[in-house]
């Protein structure tokens, strides 16, 4: 219902094209964890590449508009460059 933005079409498309794969783990419990979060549903974090001495993160605005968004991480960041 509503616009494609309100209906969450971008997220549904990613879920369809890149489904999560369940992997059997040991009996040890692991808490849920995510390295990144983005403050706007219009911004998609598409890739995070781990390179020596750096992590390259690629984001794009998927709703055809202009937004201000914050990228948050639990990683120990020393410097960020746009």
PDB file of N, CA and C in Angstrom:
ATOM      1  N   UNK A   1       0.845  -1.191   0.000  1.00  0.00           N
ATOM      2  CA  UNK A   1       0.000   0.000   0.000  1.00  0.00           C
ATOM      3  C   UNK A   1       0.879   1.239   0.000  1.00  0.00           C
ATOM      4  N   UNK A   2       0.399   2.308  -0.632  1.00  0.00           N
ATOM      5  CA  UNK A   2       1.141   3.566  -0.656  1.00  0.00           C
ATOM      6  C   UNK A   2       2.221   3.567  -1.716  1.00  0.00           C
ATOM      7  N   UNK A   3       3.156   4.495  -1.582  1.00  0.00           N
ATOM      8  CA  UNK A   3       4.266   4.619  -2.536  1.00  0.00           C
ATOM      9  C   UNK A   3       5.259   3.474  -2.336  1.00  0.00           C
ATOM     10  N   UNK A   4       6.177   3.336  -3.286  1.00  0.00           N
ATOM     11  CA  UNK A   4       7.170   2.260  -3.130  1.00  0.00           C
ATOM     12  C   UNK A   4       8.051   2.517  -1.916  1.00  0.00           C
ATOM     13  N   UNK A   5       8.234   3.791  -1.544  1.00  0.00           N
ATOM     14  CA  UNK A   5       9.026   4.109  -0.356  1.00  0.00           C
ATOM     15  C   UNK A   5       8.295   3.634   0.911  1.00  0.00           C
ATOM     16  N   UNK A   6       6.998   3.955   0.986  1.00  0.00           N
ATOM     17  CA  UNK A   6       6.211   3.556   2.160  1.00  0.00           C
ATOM     18  C   UNK A   6       6.049   2.045   2.254  1.00  0.00           C
ATOM     19  N   UNK A   7       6.011   1.380   1.111  1.00  0.00           N
ATOM     20  CA  UNK A   7       5.811  -0.070   1.087  1.00  0.00           C
ATOM     21  C   UNK A   7       7.091  -0.856   1.362  1.00  0.00           C
ATOM     22  N   UNK A   8       8.239  -0.172   1.394  1.00  0.00           N
ATOM     23  CA  UNK A   8       9.500  -0.862   1.672  1.00  0.00           C
ATOM     24  C   UNK A   8       9.974  -1.745   0.531  1.00  0.00           C
ATOM     25  N   UNK A   9       9.699  -1.330  -0.704  1.00  0.00           N
ATOM     26  CA  UNK A   9      10.035  -2.147  -1.879  1.00  0.00           C
ATOM     27  C   UNK A   9      11.537  -2.415  -1.977  1.00  0.00           C
ATOM     28  N   UNK A  10      12.366  -1.418  -1.687  1.00  0.00           N
ATOM     29  CA  UNK A  10      13.821  -1.597  -1.785  1.00  0.00           C
ATOM     30  C   UNK A  10      14.279  -2.703  -0.837  1.00  0.00           C
ATOM     31  N   UNK A  11      13.841  -2.646   0.422  1.00  0.00           N
ATOM     32  CA  UNK A  11      14.235  -3.669   1.399  1.00  0.00           C
ATOM     33  C   UNK A  11      13.711  -5.043   0.999  1.00  0.00           C
ATOM     34  N   UNK A  12      12.489  -5.118   0.530  1.00  0.00           N
ATOM     35  CA  UNK A  12      11.920  -6.401   0.102  1.00  0.00           C
ATOM     36  C   UNK A  12      12.687  -6.977  -1.080  1.00  0.00           C
ATOM     37  N   UNK A  13      13.104  -6.119  -2.004  1.00  0.00           N
ATOM     38  CA  UNK A  13      13.877  -6.574  -3.160  1.00  0.00           C
ATOM     39  C   UNK A  13      15.226  -7.132  -2.725  1.00  0.00           C
ATOM     40  N   UNK A  14      15.896  -6.456  -1.798  1.00  0.00           N
ATOM     41  CA  UNK A  14      17.169  -6.984  -1.288  1.00  0.00           C
ATOM     42  C   UNK A  14      16.956  -8.314  -0.567  1.00  0.00           C
ATOM     43  N   UNK A  15      15.906  -8.410   0.225  1.00  0.00           N
ATOM     44  CA  UNK A  15      15.624  -9.662   0.926  1.00  0.00           C
ATOM     45  C   UNK A  15      15.378 -10.810  -0.051  1.00  0.00           C
ATOM     46  N   UNK A  16      14.732 -10.514  -1.174  1.00  0.00           N
ATOM     47  CA  UNK A  16      14.466 -11.523  -2.189  1.00  0.00           C
ATOM     48  C   UNK A  16      15.738 -11.917  -2.937  1.00  0.00           C
ATOM     49  N   UNK A  17      16.505 -10.927  -3.358  1.00  0.00           N
ATOM     50  CA  UNK A  17      17.692 -11.186  -4.185  1.00  0.00           C
ATOM     51  C   UNK A  17      18.920 -11.619  -3.399  1.00  0.00           C
ATOM     52  N   UNK A  18      18.976 -11.261  -2.114  1.00  0.00           N
ATOM     53  CA  UNK A  18      20.114 -11.628  -1.271  1.00  0.00           C
ATOM     54  C   UNK A  18      19.608 -12.178   0.049  1.00  0.00           C
ATOM     55  N   UNK A  19      18.993 -13.356   0.024  1.00  0.00           N
ATOM     56  CA  UNK A  19      18.406 -13.898   1.262  1.00  0.00           C
ATOM     57  C   UNK A  19      19.478 -14.286   2.271  1.00  0.00           C
ATOM     58  N   UNK A  20      19.095 -14.222   3.542  1.00  0.00           N
ATOM     59  CA  UNK A  20      19.983 -14.698   4.591  1.00  0.00           C
ATOM     60  C   UNK A  20      20.043 -16.215   4.524  1.00  0.00           C
ATOM     61  N   UNK A  21      21.197 -16.775   4.794  1.00  0.00           N
ATOM     62  CA  UNK A  21      21.365 -18.219   4.797  1.00  0.00           C
ATOM     63  C   UNK A  21      21.644 -18.663   6.228  1.00  0.00           C
ATOM     64  N   UNK A  22      20.821 -19.547   6.725  1.00  0.00           N
ATOM     65  CA  UNK A  22      20.993 -20.059   8.078  1.00  0.00           C
ATOM     66  C   UNK A  22      22.153 -21.049   8.109  1.00  0.00           C
ATOM     67  N   UNK A  23      22.966 -20.928   9.128  1.00  0.00           N
ATOM     68  CA  UNK A  23      24.105 -21.819   9.310  1.00  0.00           C
ATOM     69  C   UNK A  23      24.002 -22.395  10.712  1.00  0.00           C
ATOM     70  N   UNK A  24      24.125 -23.682  10.830  1.00  0.00           N
ATOM     71  CA  UNK A  24      24.066 -24.331  12.128  1.00  0.00           C
ATOM     72  C   UNK A  24      25.278 -23.919  12.947  1.00  0.00           C
ATOM     73  N   UNK A  25      25.015 -23.451  14.154  1.00  0.00           N
ATOM     74  CA  UNK A  25      26.079 -23.005  15.041  1.00  0.00           C
ATOM     75  C   UNK A  25      26.235 -23.993  16.180  1.00  0.00           C
ATOM     76  N   UNK A  26      27.279 -23.792  16.958  1.00  0.00           N
ATOM     77  CA  UNK A  26      27.461 -24.633  18.141  1.00  0.00           C
ATOM     78  C   UNK A  26      26.394 -24.257  19.163  1.00  0.00           C
ATOM     79  N   UNK A  27      26.388 -24.909  20.281  1.00  0.00           N
ATOM     80  CA  UNK A  27      25.376 -24.647  21.296  1.00  0.00           C
ATOM     81  C   UNK A  27      25.607 -23.308  22.010  1.00  0.00           C
ATOM     82  N   UNK A  28      26.748 -22.675  21.771  1.00  0.00           N
ATOM     83  CA  UNK A  28      27.024 -21.379  22.406  1.00  0.00           C
ATOM     84  C   UNK A  28      26.104 -20.313  21.821  1.00  0.00           C
ATOM     85  N   UNK A  29      25.563 -19.481  22.679  1.00  0.00           N
ATOM     86  CA  UNK A  29      24.681 -18.398  22.246  1.00  0.00           C
ATOM     87  C   UNK A  29      25.511 -17.184  21.853  1.00  0.00           C
ATOM     88  N   UNK A  30      25.185 -16.610  20.708  1.00  0.00           N
ATOM     89  CA  UNK A  30      25.855 -15.398  20.242  1.00  0.00           C
ATOM     90  C   UNK A  30      24.818 -14.291  20.158  1.00  0.00           C
ATOM     91  N   UNK A  31      25.103 -13.138  20.762  1.00  0.00           N
ATOM     92  CA  UNK A  31      24.139 -12.045  20.678  1.00  0.00           C
ATOM     93  C   UNK A  31      24.083 -11.480  19.257  1.00  0.00           C
ATOM     94  N   UNK A  32      22.940 -10.914  18.898  1.00  0.00           N
ATOM     95  CA  UNK A  32      22.793 -10.277  17.590  1.00  0.00           C
ATOM     96  C   UNK A  32      23.747  -9.091  17.528  1.00  0.00           C
ATOM     97  N   UNK A  33      24.361  -8.871  16.365  1.00  0.00           N
ATOM     98  CA  UNK A  33      25.351  -7.810  16.228  1.00  0.00           C
ATOM     99  C   UNK A  33      25.353  -7.312  14.802  1.00  0.00           C
ATOM    100  N   UNK A  34      25.511  -6.029  14.618  1.00  0.00           N
ATOM    101  CA  UNK A  34      25.636  -5.440  13.300  1.00  0.00           C
ATOM    102  C   UNK A  34      26.740  -4.397  13.345  1.00  0.00           C
ATOM    103  N   UNK A  35      27.611  -4.406  12.353  1.00  0.00           N
ATOM    104  CA  UNK A  35      28.726  -3.456  12.320  1.00  0.00           C
ATOM    105  C   UNK A  35      28.261  -2.058  11.959  1.00  0.00           C
ATOM    106  N   UNK A  36      27.164  -1.942  11.182  1.00  0.00           N
ATOM    107  CA  UNK A  36      26.718  -0.638  10.703  1.00  0.00           C
ATOM    108  C   UNK A  36      25.218  -0.477  10.837  1.00  0.00           C
ATOM    109  N   UNK A  37      24.789   0.773  10.977  1.00  0.00           N
ATOM    110  CA  UNK A  37      23.375   1.124  10.867  1.00  0.00           C
ATOM    111  C   UNK A  37      23.290   2.480  10.177  1.00  0.00           C
ATOM    112  N   UNK A  38      22.208   2.679   9.433  1.00  0.00           N
ATOM    113  CA  UNK A  38      21.989   3.914   8.692  1.00  0.00           C
ATOM    114  C   UNK A  38      20.695   4.535   9.202  1.00  0.00           C
ATOM    115  N   UNK A  39      20.697   5.846   9.411  1.00  0.00           N
ATOM    116  CA  UNK A  39      19.560   6.516  10.034  1.00  0.00           C
ATOM    117  C   UNK A  39      18.371   6.740   9.117  1.00  0.00           C
ATOM    118  N   UNK A  40      18.527   6.598   7.809  1.00  0.00           N
ATOM    119  CA  UNK A  40      17.428   6.849   6.880  1.00  0.00           C
ATOM    120  C   UNK A  40      17.088   5.596   6.089  1.00  0.00           C
ATOM    121  N   UNK A  41      15.798   5.246   5.976  1.00  0.00           N
ATOM    122  CA  UNK A  41      15.417   4.100   5.156  1.00  0.00           C
ATOM    123  C   UNK A  41      15.633   4.347   3.662  1.00  0.00           C
ATOM    124  N   UNK A  42      15.864   5.609   3.275  1.00  0.00           N
ATOM    125  CA  UNK A  42      16.126   5.929   1.871  1.00  0.00           C
ATOM    126  C   UNK A  42      17.560   5.613   1.468  1.00  0.00           C
ATOM    127  N   UNK A  43      18.427   5.422   2.447  1.00  0.00           N
ATOM    128  CA  UNK A  43      19.844   5.162   2.168  1.00  0.00           C
ATOM    129  C   UNK A  43      20.128   3.685   2.361  1.00  0.00           C
ATOM    130  N   UNK A  44      20.726   3.086   1.343  1.00  0.00           N
ATOM    131  CA  UNK A  44      21.049   1.663   1.364  1.00  0.00           C
ATOM    132  C   UNK A  44      22.556   1.505   1.499  1.00  0.00           C
ATOM    133  N   UNK A  45      22.983   0.732   2.477  1.00  0.00           N
ATOM    134  CA  UNK A  45      24.382   0.359   2.595  1.00  0.00           C
ATOM    135  C   UNK A  45      24.538  -0.895   1.753  1.00  0.00           C
ATOM    136  N   UNK A  46      25.179  -0.741   0.608  1.00  0.00           N
ATOM    137  CA  UNK A  46      25.243  -1.847  -0.337  1.00  0.00           C
ATOM    138  C   UNK A  46      26.444  -2.748  -0.107  1.00  0.00           C
ATOM    139  N   UNK A  47      27.579  -2.176   0.225  1.00  0.00           N
ATOM    140  CA  UNK A  47      28.798  -2.967   0.352  1.00  0.00           C
ATOM    141  C   UNK A  47      29.664  -2.424   1.470  1.00  0.00           C
ATOM    142  N   UNK A  48      30.303  -3.313   2.190  1.00  0.00           N
ATOM    143  CA  UNK A  48      31.355  -2.943   3.125  1.00  0.00           C
ATOM    144  C   UNK A  48      32.513  -3.888   2.852  1.00  0.00           C
ATOM    145  N   UNK A  49      33.611  -3.341   2.362  1.00  0.00           N
ATOM    146  CA  UNK A  49      34.779  -4.152   2.030  1.00  0.00           C
ATOM    147  C   UNK A  49      35.838  -3.974   3.105  1.00  0.00           C
ATOM    148  N   UNK A  50      36.357  -5.074   3.595  1.00  0.00           N
ATOM    149  CA  UNK A  50      37.425  -5.041   4.578  1.00  0.00           C
ATOM    150  C   UNK A  50      38.747  -5.084   3.830  1.00  0.00           C
ATOM    151  N   UNK A  51      39.524  -4.015   3.948  1.00  0.00           N
ATOM    152  CA  UNK A  51      40.838  -3.937   3.302  1.00  0.00           C
ATOM    153  C   UNK A  51      41.891  -3.702   4.369  1.00  0.00           C
ATOM    154  N   UNK A  52      43.151  -3.971   4.049  1.00  0.00           N
ATOM    155  CA  UNK A  52      44.202  -3.682   5.035  1.00  0.00           C
ATOM    156  C   UNK A  52      44.148  -2.210   5.447  1.00  0.00           C
ATOM    157  N   UNK A  53      44.054  -1.960   6.724  1.00  0.00           N
ATOM    158  CA  UNK A  53      44.048  -0.615   7.300  1.00  0.00           C
ATOM    159  C   UNK A  53      42.817   0.222   6.952  1.00  0.00           C
ATOM    160  N   UNK A  54      41.772  -0.366   6.343  1.00  0.00           N
ATOM    161  CA  UNK A  54      40.589   0.431   5.995  1.00  0.00           C
ATOM    162  C   UNK A  54      39.373  -0.459   5.789  1.00  0.00           C
ATOM    163  N   UNK A  55      38.216   0.143   5.956  1.00  0.00           N
ATOM    164  CA  UNK A  55      36.950  -0.477   5.583  1.00  0.00           C
ATOM    165  C   UNK A  55      36.289   0.499   4.614  1.00  0.00           C
ATOM    166  N   UNK A  56      35.952   0.032   3.423  1.00  0.00           N
ATOM    167  CA  UNK A  56      35.303   0.866   2.417  1.00  0.00           C
ATOM    168  C   UNK A  56      33.815   0.552   2.447  1.00  0.00           C
ATOM    169  N   UNK A  57      32.999   1.578   2.665  1.00  0.00           N
ATOM    170  CA  UNK A  57      31.556   1.422   2.757  1.00  0.00           C
ATOM    171  C   UNK A  57      30.914   2.184   1.612  1.00  0.00           C
ATOM    172  N   UNK A  58      30.039   1.524   0.875  1.00  0.00           N
ATOM    173  CA  UNK A  58      29.332   2.176  -0.228  1.00  0.00           C
ATOM    174  C   UNK A  58      27.848   2.293   0.118  1.00  0.00           C
ATOM    175  N   UNK A  59      27.335   3.511   0.003  1.00  0.00           N
ATOM    176  CA  UNK A  59      25.930   3.784   0.282  1.00  0.00           C
ATOM    177  C   UNK A  59      25.331   4.506  -0.914  1.00  0.00           C
ATOM    178  N   UNK A  60      24.015   4.360  -1.081  1.00  0.00           N
ATOM    179  CA  UNK A  60      23.333   5.157  -2.094  1.00  0.00           C
ATOM    180  C   UNK A  60      21.930   5.500  -1.628  1.00  0.00           C
ATOM    181  N   UNK A  61      21.406   6.596  -2.162  1.00  0.00           N
ATOM    182  CA  UNK A  61      20.058   7.053  -1.860  1.00  0.00           C
ATOM    183  C   UNK A  61      19.136   6.394  -2.868  1.00  0.00           C
ATOM    184  N   UNK A  62      18.169   5.608  -2.411  1.00  0.00           N
ATOM    185  CA  UNK A  62      17.369   4.752  -3.288  1.00  0.00           C
ATOM    186  C   UNK A  62      15.976   5.282  -3.596  1.00  0.00           C
ATOM    187  N   UNK A  63      15.575   6.409  -3.006  1.00  0.00           N
ATOM    188  CA  UNK A  63      14.213   6.895  -3.194  1.00  0.00           C
ATOM    189  C   UNK A  63      14.110   8.029  -4.205  1.00  0.00           C
ATOM    190  N   UNK A  64      15.213   8.393  -4.845  1.00  0.00           N
ATOM    191  CA  UNK A  64      15.169   9.457  -5.841  1.00  0.00           C
ATOM    192  C   UNK A  64      15.027  10.834  -5.234  1.00  0.00           C
ATOM    193  N   UNK A  65      15.555  11.010  -4.040  1.00  0.00           N
ATOM    194  CA  UNK A  65      15.446  12.296  -3.361  1.00  0.00           C
ATOM    195  C   UNK A  65      16.807  12.682  -2.787  1.00  0.00           C
ATOM    196  N   UNK A  66      16.825  13.703  -1.990  1.00  0.00           N
ATOM    197  CA  UNK A  66      18.028  14.116  -1.276  1.00  0.00           C
ATOM    198  C   UNK A  66      17.742  13.998   0.207  1.00  0.00           C
ATOM    199  N   UNK A  67      18.587  13.313   0.934  1.00  0.00           N
ATOM    200  CA  UNK A  67      18.386  13.131   2.370  1.00  0.00           C
ATOM    201  C   UNK A  67      19.693  13.364   3.116  1.00  0.00           C
ATOM    202  N   UNK A  68      19.563  13.655   4.371  1.00  0.00           N
ATOM    203  CA  UNK A  68      20.698  13.700   5.279  1.00  0.00           C
ATOM    204  C   UNK A  68      20.604  12.431   6.113  1.00  0.00           C
ATOM    205  N   UNK A  69      21.695  11.694   6.196  1.00  0.00           N
ATOM    206  CA  UNK A  69      21.670  10.440   6.946  1.00  0.00           C
ATOM    207  C   UNK A  69      22.960  10.286   7.738  1.00  0.00           C
ATOM    208  N   UNK A  70      22.861   9.542   8.807  1.00  0.00           N
ATOM    209  CA  UNK A  70      24.014   9.216   9.633  1.00  0.00           C
ATOM    210  C   UNK A  70      24.347   7.744   9.467  1.00  0.00           C
ATOM    211  N   UNK A  71      25.625   7.461   9.297  1.00  0.00           N
ATOM    212  CA  UNK A  71      26.128   6.088   9.284  1.00  0.00           C
ATOM    213  C   UNK A  71      26.784   5.867  10.635  1.00  0.00           C
ATOM    214  N   UNK A  72      26.293   4.888  11.370  1.00  0.00           N
ATOM    215  CA  UNK A  72      26.862   4.579  12.683  1.00  0.00           C
ATOM    216  C   UNK A  72      27.527   3.215  12.628  1.00  0.00           C
ATOM    217  N   UNK A  73      28.595   3.065  13.394  1.00  0.00           N
ATOM    218  CA  UNK A  73      29.298   1.794  13.439  1.00  0.00           C
ATOM    219  C   UNK A  73      29.777   1.499  14.851  1.00  0.00           C
ATOM    220  N   UNK A  74      29.891   0.229  15.140  1.00  0.00           N
ATOM    221  CA  UNK A  74      30.448  -0.200  16.419  1.00  0.00           C
ATOM    222  C   UNK A  74      31.943  -0.511  16.277  1.00  0.00           C
ATOM    223  N   UNK A  75      32.474  -0.319  15.070  1.00  0.00           N
ATOM    224  CA  UNK A  75      33.891  -0.568  14.826  1.00  0.00           C
ATOM    225  C   UNK A  75      34.724   0.596  15.378  1.00  0.00           C
ATOM    226  N   UNK A  76      35.972   0.345  15.775  1.00  0.00           N
ATOM    227  CA  UNK A  76      36.823   1.401  16.313  1.00  0.00           C
ATOM    228  C   UNK A  76      37.382   2.301  15.195  1.00  0.00           C
ATOM    229  N   UNK A  77      36.636   3.336  14.835  1.00  0.00           N
ATOM    230  CA  UNK A  77      37.016   4.221  13.722  1.00  0.00           C
ATOM    231  C   UNK A  77      37.980   5.294  14.209  1.00  0.00           C
ATOM    232  N   UNK A  78      39.078   5.470  13.489  1.00  0.00           N
ATOM    233  CA  UNK A  78      40.038   6.530  13.793  1.00  0.00           C
ATOM    234  C   UNK A  78      39.816   7.729  12.887  1.00  0.00           C
ATOM    235  N   UNK A  79      39.352   7.482  11.644  1.00  0.00           N
ATOM    236  CA  UNK A  79      39.174   8.551  10.680  1.00  0.00           C
ATOM    237  C   UNK A  79      38.134   8.115   9.651  1.00  0.00           C
ATOM    238  N   UNK A  80      37.354   9.081   9.162  1.00  0.00           N
ATOM    239  CA  UNK A  80      36.376   8.803   8.120  1.00  0.00           C
ATOM    240  C   UNK A  80      36.538   9.833   7.020  1.00  0.00           C
ATOM    241  N   UNK A  81      36.401   9.393   5.769  1.00  0.00           N
ATOM    242  CA  UNK A  81      36.527  10.269   4.623  1.00  0.00           C
ATOM    243  C   UNK A  81      35.334  10.045   3.705  1.00  0.00           C
ATOM    244  N   UNK A  82      34.762  11.136   3.223  1.00  0.00           N
ATOM    245  CA  UNK A  82      33.639  11.040   2.296  1.00  0.00           C
ATOM    246  C   UNK A  82      34.165  10.883   0.886  1.00  0.00           C
TER     247      UNK A  82
END
